[in-house]
């Protein structure tokens, strides 16, 4: 069977993995999940007990979760080296280093902002404190990322890799939360512009917006979430 990537909207970090599948160019399906309505229930927990996206149903039917694990799965199948590098090379090591930073400290810095947004029932004083802390954490991680970006067009050299695609799914949260002034980070702003201009990323954003764009042809269609849960989830 062809793999199925379960991706979230709105503004899911999994957008970058959709773009990675497009650049990889191998057949895949998608399953669309409303993260505000479709995840926090027992049915979705059969697919991922942590009730999060992304989720990958692999070609052998087993379920894999967590961005870094799915990125590693993609890397192992990237025999043409469209989105990665040969194992054991310095470029591969640098790509893994970038993915680790983005998926841990950079992504985690936004957690207080999401917690404030989703708090129910609201607690205005706590929400204000979380937003102050979150904006400070996001600014700190943006400064570290800005300082580490080199002179190459993408994070690791002259072409986009999994590191750039993992980044782009998360970096847009800064505008959503009004956490930073992008002009304070010109290297990152320029990098994001280059990544966002990639056809695979434009395709992934359009898919997220439910626009039904024409992609490379690798995406073979959308599988309803209920069908994926019934077929591949833990038995009820």
C-alpha atoms as a PDB file:
ATOM      1  CA  UNK A   1       0.000   0.000   0.000  1.00  0.00           C
ATOM      2  CA  UNK A   2       0.979   3.619  -0.348  1.00  0.00           C
ATOM      3  CA  UNK A   3       1.647   5.606   2.848  1.00  0.00           C
ATOM      4  CA  UNK A   4      -0.949   7.938   4.316  1.00  0.00           C
ATOM      5  CA  UNK A   5       0.078  11.158   6.063  1.00  0.00           C
ATOM      6  CA  UNK A   6      -2.455  12.460   8.569  1.00  0.00           C
ATOM      7  CA  UNK A   7      -1.981  16.234   8.614  1.00  0.00           C
ATOM      8  CA  UNK A   8      -3.592  18.918  10.741  1.00  0.00           C
ATOM      9  CA  UNK A   9      -5.206  22.271  10.045  1.00  0.00           C
ATOM     10  CA  UNK A  10      -5.287  25.166  10.724  1.00  0.00           C
ATOM     11  CA  UNK A  11      -1.562  26.006  10.783  1.00  0.00           C
ATOM     12  CA  UNK A  12      -0.381  22.480  11.472  1.00  0.00           C
ATOM     13  CA  UNK A  13       3.331  21.874  11.731  1.00  0.00           C
ATOM     14  CA  UNK A  14       2.621  18.895   9.469  1.00  0.00           C
ATOM     15  CA  UNK A  15       2.332  21.253   6.467  1.00  0.00           C
ATOM     16  CA  UNK A  16       6.093  20.928   6.072  1.00  0.00           C
ATOM     17  CA  UNK A  17       5.831  17.137   5.888  1.00  0.00           C
ATOM     18  CA  UNK A  18       3.201  17.406   3.137  1.00  0.00           C
ATOM     19  CA  UNK A  19       5.708  19.507   1.208  1.00  0.00           C
ATOM     20  CA  UNK A  20       8.405  16.903   1.921  1.00  0.00           C
ATOM     21  CA  UNK A  21       6.253  14.140   0.433  1.00  0.00           C
ATOM     22  CA  UNK A  22       5.699  16.320  -2.643  1.00  0.00           C
ATOM     23  CA  UNK A  23       9.412  16.941  -3.115  1.00  0.00           C
ATOM     24  CA  UNK A  24      10.179  13.263  -2.525  1.00  0.00           C
ATOM     25  CA  UNK A  25       7.915  12.474  -5.471  1.00  0.00           C
ATOM     26  CA  UNK A  26       6.831   8.992  -4.368  1.00  0.00           C
ATOM     27  CA  UNK A  27       3.115   8.017  -4.204  1.00  0.00           C
ATOM     28  CA  UNK A  28       1.255   8.945  -1.029  1.00  0.00           C
ATOM     29  CA  UNK A  29      -2.202   9.745   0.308  1.00  0.00           C
ATOM     30  CA  UNK A  30      -3.317  12.393   2.792  1.00  0.00           C
ATOM     31  CA  UNK A  31      -5.877  12.493   5.573  1.00  0.00           C
ATOM     32  CA  UNK A  32      -7.123  15.879   6.707  1.00  0.00           C
ATOM     33  CA  UNK A  33      -7.730  16.552  10.420  1.00  0.00           C
ATOM     34  CA  UNK A  34      -9.344  19.599  11.989  1.00  0.00           C
ATOM     35  CA  UNK A  35      -7.119  19.974  15.055  1.00  0.00           C
ATOM     36  CA  UNK A  36      -9.765  22.013  16.881  1.00  0.00           C
ATOM     37  CA  UNK A  37     -12.593  19.527  16.345  1.00  0.00           C
ATOM     38  CA  UNK A  38     -11.353  16.088  15.260  1.00  0.00           C
ATOM     39  CA  UNK A  39      -8.533  15.153  17.648  1.00  0.00           C
ATOM     40  CA  UNK A  40      -9.695  15.459  21.239  1.00  0.00           C
ATOM     41  CA  UNK A  41     -11.852  12.357  21.301  1.00  0.00           C
ATOM     42  CA  UNK A  42     -11.570   8.632  21.931  1.00  0.00           C
ATOM     43  CA  UNK A  43     -11.875   7.765  18.259  1.00  0.00           C
ATOM     44  CA  UNK A  44      -8.794   9.759  17.226  1.00  0.00           C
ATOM     45  CA  UNK A  45      -6.916   8.444  20.264  1.00  0.00           C
ATOM     46  CA  UNK A  46      -7.139   5.003  18.649  1.00  0.00           C
ATOM     47  CA  UNK A  47      -4.836   6.361  15.936  1.00  0.00           C
ATOM     48  CA  UNK A  48      -2.570   8.470  18.179  1.00  0.00           C
ATOM     49  CA  UNK A  49      -3.125   8.220  21.950  1.00  0.00           C
ATOM     50  CA  UNK A  50      -1.417  11.624  22.362  1.00  0.00           C
ATOM     51  CA  UNK A  51      -4.160  13.121  20.157  1.00  0.00           C
ATOM     52  CA  UNK A  52      -1.770  15.074  17.968  1.00  0.00           C
ATOM     53  CA  UNK A  53      -0.644  15.341  14.368  1.00  0.00           C
ATOM     54  CA  UNK A  54       1.255  14.351  12.324  1.00  0.00           C
ATOM     55  CA  UNK A  55       0.583  10.648  12.012  1.00  0.00           C
ATOM     56  CA  UNK A  56       1.969   8.429   9.267  1.00  0.00           C
ATOM     57  CA  UNK A  57       0.406   5.142   8.238  1.00  0.00           C
ATOM     58  CA  UNK A  58       3.443   3.471   6.700  1.00  0.00           C
ATOM     59  CA  UNK A  59       3.422   1.315   3.613  1.00  0.00           C
ATOM     60  CA  UNK A  60       3.336  -1.811   5.801  1.00  0.00           C
ATOM     61  CA  UNK A  61       0.211  -0.557   7.608  1.00  0.00           C
ATOM     62  CA  UNK A  62       1.914   0.293  10.888  1.00  0.00           C
ATOM     63  CA  UNK A  63       1.409   3.731  12.466  1.00  0.00           C
ATOM     64  CA  UNK A  64       4.260   6.148  13.140  1.00  0.00           C
ATOM     65  CA  UNK A  65       3.952   9.429  15.047  1.00  0.00           C
ATOM     66  CA  UNK A  66       6.203  12.416  15.837  1.00  0.00           C
ATOM     67  CA  UNK A  67       7.714  14.770  13.278  1.00  0.00           C
ATOM     68  CA  UNK A  68      11.316  13.648  13.706  1.00  0.00           C
ATOM     69  CA  UNK A  69      10.412   9.976  13.313  1.00  0.00           C
ATOM     70  CA  UNK A  70       8.419  10.664  10.159  1.00  0.00           C
ATOM     71  CA  UNK A  71      11.244  12.825   8.782  1.00  0.00           C
ATOM     72  CA  UNK A  72      13.661   9.928   9.374  1.00  0.00           C
ATOM     73  CA  UNK A  73      11.265   7.571   7.568  1.00  0.00           C
ATOM     74  CA  UNK A  74      11.191   9.937   4.590  1.00  0.00           C
ATOM     75  CA  UNK A  75      14.976  10.272   4.630  1.00  0.00           C
ATOM     76  CA  UNK A  76      15.393   6.491   4.488  1.00  0.00           C
ATOM     77  CA  UNK A  77      13.274   6.357   1.328  1.00  0.00           C
ATOM     78  CA  UNK A  78      14.930   9.333  -0.337  1.00  0.00           C
ATOM     79  CA  UNK A  79      17.207   7.242  -2.558  1.00  0.00           C
ATOM     80  CA  UNK A  80      17.443  10.057  -5.134  1.00  0.00           C
ATOM     81  CA  UNK A  81      18.483  12.505  -2.370  1.00  0.00           C
ATOM     82  CA  UNK A  82      15.823  15.065  -3.230  1.00  0.00           C
ATOM     83  CA  UNK A  83      15.279  16.194   0.376  1.00  0.00           C
ATOM     84  CA  UNK A  84      18.256  14.786   2.286  1.00  0.00           C
ATOM     85  CA  UNK A  85      21.883  13.695   2.041  1.00  0.00           C
ATOM     86  CA  UNK A  86      23.785  10.426   2.045  1.00  0.00           C
ATOM     87  CA  UNK A  87      23.924   8.916   5.528  1.00  0.00           C
ATOM     88  CA  UNK A  88      27.039   9.696   7.524  1.00  0.00           C
ATOM     89  CA  UNK A  89      28.060  12.771   5.547  1.00  0.00           C
ATOM     90  CA  UNK A  90      28.704  16.137   7.205  1.00  0.00           C
ATOM     91  CA  UNK A  91      25.689  17.611   5.383  1.00  0.00           C
ATOM     92  CA  UNK A  92      23.444  14.850   6.732  1.00  0.00           C
ATOM     93  CA  UNK A  93      24.721  15.534  10.247  1.00  0.00           C
ATOM     94  CA  UNK A  94      24.022  19.254   9.866  1.00  0.00           C
ATOM     95  CA  UNK A  95      20.533  18.553   8.564  1.00  0.00           C
ATOM     96  CA  UNK A  96      19.803  16.346  11.586  1.00  0.00           C
ATOM     97  CA  UNK A  97      21.146  19.046  13.886  1.00  0.00           C
ATOM     98  CA  UNK A  98      18.836  21.627  12.349  1.00  0.00           C
ATOM     99  CA  UNK A  99      15.816  19.320  12.543  1.00  0.00           C
ATOM    100  CA  UNK A 100      16.579  18.617  16.197  1.00  0.00           C
ATOM    101  CA  UNK A 101      16.766  22.315  17.057  1.00  0.00           C
ATOM    102  CA  UNK A 102      13.625  23.207  15.124  1.00  0.00           C
ATOM    103  CA  UNK A 103      11.558  20.342  16.495  1.00  0.00           C
ATOM    104  CA  UNK A 104      12.625  20.865  20.103  1.00  0.00           C
ATOM    105  CA  UNK A 105      13.546  24.336  21.331  1.00  0.00           C
ATOM    106  CA  UNK A 106      12.182  26.363  18.420  1.00  0.00           C
ATOM    107  CA  UNK A 107       8.815  24.603  18.293  1.00  0.00           C
ATOM    108  CA  UNK A 108       8.580  24.313  22.075  1.00  0.00           C
ATOM    109  CA  UNK A 109       8.991  28.057  22.516  1.00  0.00           C
ATOM    110  CA  UNK A 110       5.475  28.510  21.120  1.00  0.00           C
ATOM    111  CA  UNK A 111       3.867  26.197  23.707  1.00  0.00           C
ATOM    112  CA  UNK A 112       2.927  28.978  26.192  1.00  0.00           C
ATOM    113  CA  UNK A 113       1.272  30.940  23.385  1.00  0.00           C
ATOM    114  CA  UNK A 114      -0.819  27.961  22.290  1.00  0.00           C
ATOM    115  CA  UNK A 115      -1.692  27.213  25.919  1.00  0.00           C
ATOM    116  CA  UNK A 116      -2.932  30.781  26.388  1.00  0.00           C
ATOM    117  CA  UNK A 117      -4.965  30.645  23.182  1.00  0.00           C
ATOM    118  CA  UNK A 118      -6.630  27.314  23.953  1.00  0.00           C
ATOM    119  CA  UNK A 119      -7.225  27.834  27.691  1.00  0.00           C
ATOM    120  CA  UNK A 120     -10.738  26.885  28.742  1.00  0.00           C
ATOM    121  CA  UNK A 121     -12.209  28.285  30.842  1.00  0.00           C
ATOM    122  CA  UNK A 122     -10.281  31.522  30.264  1.00  0.00           C
ATOM    123  CA  UNK A 123      -7.996  32.898  32.975  1.00  0.00           C
ATOM    124  CA  UNK A 124      -6.999  36.387  31.770  1.00  0.00           C
ATOM    125  CA  UNK A 125      -4.161  36.907  34.253  1.00  0.00           C
ATOM    126  CA  UNK A 126      -2.577  33.525  33.540  1.00  0.00           C
ATOM    127  CA  UNK A 127      -3.093  33.942  29.806  1.00  0.00           C
ATOM    128  CA  UNK A 128      -1.366  37.332  29.856  1.00  0.00           C
ATOM    129  CA  UNK A 129       1.581  35.853  31.767  1.00  0.00           C
ATOM    130  CA  UNK A 130       1.838  32.949  29.336  1.00  0.00           C
ATOM    131  CA  UNK A 131       1.824  35.317  26.380  1.00  0.00           C
ATOM    132  CA  UNK A 132       4.590  37.454  27.876  1.00  0.00           C
ATOM    133  CA  UNK A 133       6.701  34.401  28.599  1.00  0.00           C
ATOM    134  CA  UNK A 134       5.948  32.843  25.226  1.00  0.00           C
ATOM    135  CA  UNK A 135       6.919  35.942  23.266  1.00  0.00           C
ATOM    136  CA  UNK A 136      10.205  36.147  25.162  1.00  0.00           C
ATOM    137  CA  UNK A 137      10.909  32.465  24.457  1.00  0.00           C
ATOM    138  CA  UNK A 138      10.048  32.799  20.762  1.00  0.00           C
ATOM    139  CA  UNK A 139      12.253  35.881  20.402  1.00  0.00           C
ATOM    140  CA  UNK A 140      15.125  34.039  22.083  1.00  0.00           C
ATOM    141  CA  UNK A 141      14.867  31.074  19.733  1.00  0.00           C
ATOM    142  CA  UNK A 142      14.514  33.328  16.697  1.00  0.00           C
ATOM    143  CA  UNK A 143      17.699  35.131  17.714  1.00  0.00           C
ATOM    144  CA  UNK A 144      19.576  31.831  18.013  1.00  0.00           C
ATOM    145  CA  UNK A 145      18.279  30.671  14.642  1.00  0.00           C
ATOM    146  CA  UNK A 146      19.138  33.994  13.009  1.00  0.00           C
ATOM    147  CA  UNK A 147      22.693  33.824  14.313  1.00  0.00           C
ATOM    148  CA  UNK A 148      23.199  30.266  13.046  1.00  0.00           C
ATOM    149  CA  UNK A 149      21.898  30.740   9.494  1.00  0.00           C
ATOM    150  CA  UNK A 150      24.765  30.696   7.023  1.00  0.00           C
ATOM    151  CA  UNK A 151      25.266  32.256   3.609  1.00  0.00           C
ATOM    152  CA  UNK A 152      23.764  29.408   1.579  1.00  0.00           C
ATOM    153  CA  UNK A 153      20.267  29.748   0.088  1.00  0.00           C
ATOM    154  CA  UNK A 154      18.856  27.057   2.383  1.00  0.00           C
ATOM    155  CA  UNK A 155      19.762  25.748   5.826  1.00  0.00           C
ATOM    156  CA  UNK A 156      22.148  23.113   4.474  1.00  0.00           C
ATOM    157  CA  UNK A 157      23.464  24.214   1.115  1.00  0.00           C
ATOM    158  CA  UNK A 158      21.955  25.236  -2.189  1.00  0.00           C
ATOM    159  CA  UNK A 159      18.774  23.173  -2.153  1.00  0.00           C
ATOM    160  CA  UNK A 160      15.891  22.647   0.267  1.00  0.00           C
ATOM    161  CA  UNK A 161      15.958  19.624   2.562  1.00  0.00           C
ATOM    162  CA  UNK A 162      13.872  18.170   5.348  1.00  0.00           C
ATOM    163  CA  UNK A 163      15.335  20.794   7.687  1.00  0.00           C
ATOM    164  CA  UNK A 164      13.831  23.660   5.682  1.00  0.00           C
ATOM    165  CA  UNK A 165      10.484  21.895   5.358  1.00  0.00           C
ATOM    166  CA  UNK A 166      10.224  21.104   9.070  1.00  0.00           C
ATOM    167  CA  UNK A 167      11.027  24.762   9.761  1.00  0.00           C
ATOM    168  CA  UNK A 168       8.410  26.251   7.456  1.00  0.00           C
ATOM    169  CA  UNK A 169       5.518  24.398   9.060  1.00  0.00           C
ATOM    170  CA  UNK A 170       6.318  26.014  12.407  1.00  0.00           C
ATOM    171  CA  UNK A 171       7.903  29.384  11.611  1.00  0.00           C
ATOM    172  CA  UNK A 172       4.610  30.896  10.412  1.00  0.00           C
ATOM    173  CA  UNK A 173       3.251  30.614  13.957  1.00  0.00           C
ATOM    174  CA  UNK A 174       5.243  33.734  14.837  1.00  0.00           C
ATOM    175  CA  UNK A 175       2.945  35.936  12.740  1.00  0.00           C
ATOM    176  CA  UNK A 176      -0.183  34.183  13.935  1.00  0.00           C
ATOM    177  CA  UNK A 177       0.714  34.878  17.566  1.00  0.00           C
ATOM    178  CA  UNK A 178       2.211  38.317  16.790  1.00  0.00           C
ATOM    179  CA  UNK A 179       5.223  37.115  18.753  1.00  0.00           C
ATOM    180  CA  UNK A 180       8.080  38.886  16.956  1.00  0.00           C
ATOM    181  CA  UNK A 181       8.840  41.579  14.401  1.00  0.00           C
ATOM    182  CA  UNK A 182      10.152  39.661  11.389  1.00  0.00           C
ATOM    183  CA  UNK A 183      12.307  42.630  10.354  1.00  0.00           C
ATOM    184  CA  UNK A 184      14.476  41.919  13.414  1.00  0.00           C
ATOM    185  CA  UNK A 185      15.527  38.630  11.781  1.00  0.00           C
ATOM    186  CA  UNK A 186      16.423  39.431   8.155  1.00  0.00           C
ATOM    187  CA  UNK A 187      18.314  36.210   7.428  1.00  0.00           C
ATOM    188  CA  UNK A 188      15.403  34.109   8.635  1.00  0.00           C
ATOM    189  CA  UNK A 189      12.903  36.278   6.743  1.00  0.00           C
ATOM    190  CA  UNK A 190      14.858  35.808   3.518  1.00  0.00           C
ATOM    191  CA  UNK A 191      15.159  32.059   4.103  1.00  0.00           C
ATOM    192  CA  UNK A 192      11.444  31.748   4.746  1.00  0.00           C
ATOM    193  CA  UNK A 193      10.672  33.613   1.531  1.00  0.00           C
ATOM    194  CA  UNK A 194      12.770  31.158  -0.456  1.00  0.00           C
ATOM    195  CA  UNK A 195      11.152  28.145   1.203  1.00  0.00           C
ATOM    196  CA  UNK A 196       7.627  29.525   0.839  1.00  0.00           C
ATOM    197  CA  UNK A 197       8.220  30.085  -2.882  1.00  0.00           C
ATOM    198  CA  UNK A 198       8.869  26.381  -3.502  1.00  0.00           C
ATOM    199  CA  UNK A 199       6.064  24.758  -5.541  1.00  0.00           C
ATOM    200  CA  UNK A 200       5.855  21.900  -3.048  1.00  0.00           C
ATOM    201  CA  UNK A 201       5.310  24.322  -0.166  1.00  0.00           C
ATOM    202  CA  UNK A 202       2.718  26.314  -2.103  1.00  0.00           C
ATOM    203  CA  UNK A 203       0.975  23.007  -2.803  1.00  0.00           C
ATOM    204  CA  UNK A 204       1.058  22.042   0.883  1.00  0.00           C
ATOM    205  CA  UNK A 205      -0.414  25.383   1.971  1.00  0.00           C
ATOM    206  CA  UNK A 206      -3.184  25.077  -0.618  1.00  0.00           C
ATOM    207  CA  UNK A 207      -3.932  21.517   0.552  1.00  0.00           C
ATOM    208  CA  UNK A 208      -4.112  22.812   4.119  1.00  0.00           C
ATOM    209  CA  UNK A 209      -6.583  25.464   2.952  1.00  0.00           C
ATOM    210  CA  UNK A 210      -8.662  22.728   1.256  1.00  0.00           C
ATOM    211  CA  UNK A 211      -8.212  24.259  -2.186  1.00  0.00           C
ATOM    212  CA  UNK A 212      -7.524  21.030  -4.118  1.00  0.00           C
ATOM    213  CA  UNK A 213      -4.407  22.214  -5.994  1.00  0.00           C
ATOM    214  CA  UNK A 214      -2.627  20.336  -8.763  1.00  0.00           C
ATOM    215  CA  UNK A 215       0.671  19.040  -7.431  1.00  0.00           C
ATOM    216  CA  UNK A 216       3.397  16.827  -8.809  1.00  0.00           C
ATOM    217  CA  UNK A 217       1.060  13.870  -9.178  1.00  0.00           C
ATOM    218  CA  UNK A 218       2.585  11.979  -6.253  1.00  0.00           C
ATOM    219  CA  UNK A 219      -0.420  12.700  -4.011  1.00  0.00           C
ATOM    220  CA  UNK A 220      -3.046  10.115  -4.962  1.00  0.00           C
ATOM    221  CA  UNK A 221      -5.967  11.520  -2.990  1.00  0.00           C
ATOM    222  CA  UNK A 222      -7.425  12.137   0.444  1.00  0.00           C
ATOM    223  CA  UNK A 223      -8.559   9.286   2.696  1.00  0.00           C
ATOM    224  CA  UNK A 224     -11.382  10.091   5.165  1.00  0.00           C
ATOM    225  CA  UNK A 225     -10.227  10.174   8.770  1.00  0.00           C
ATOM    226  CA  UNK A 226     -12.922   7.733   9.896  1.00  0.00           C
ATOM    227  CA  UNK A 227     -11.679   5.185   7.366  1.00  0.00           C
ATOM    228  CA  UNK A 228      -8.076   5.533   8.553  1.00  0.00           C
ATOM    229  CA  UNK A 229      -9.093   5.122  12.200  1.00  0.00           C
ATOM    230  CA  UNK A 230     -11.247   2.100  11.436  1.00  0.00           C
ATOM    231  CA  UNK A 231      -8.581   0.380   9.371  1.00  0.00           C
ATOM    232  CA  UNK A 232      -5.379   1.289  11.186  1.00  0.00           C
ATOM    233  CA  UNK A 233      -6.350   2.467  14.666  1.00  0.00           C
ATOM    234  CA  UNK A 234      -6.130   0.441  17.848  1.00  0.00           C
ATOM    235  CA  UNK A 235      -9.266  -1.745  18.016  1.00  0.00           C
ATOM    236  CA  UNK A 236     -12.044  -0.144  20.039  1.00  0.00           C
END
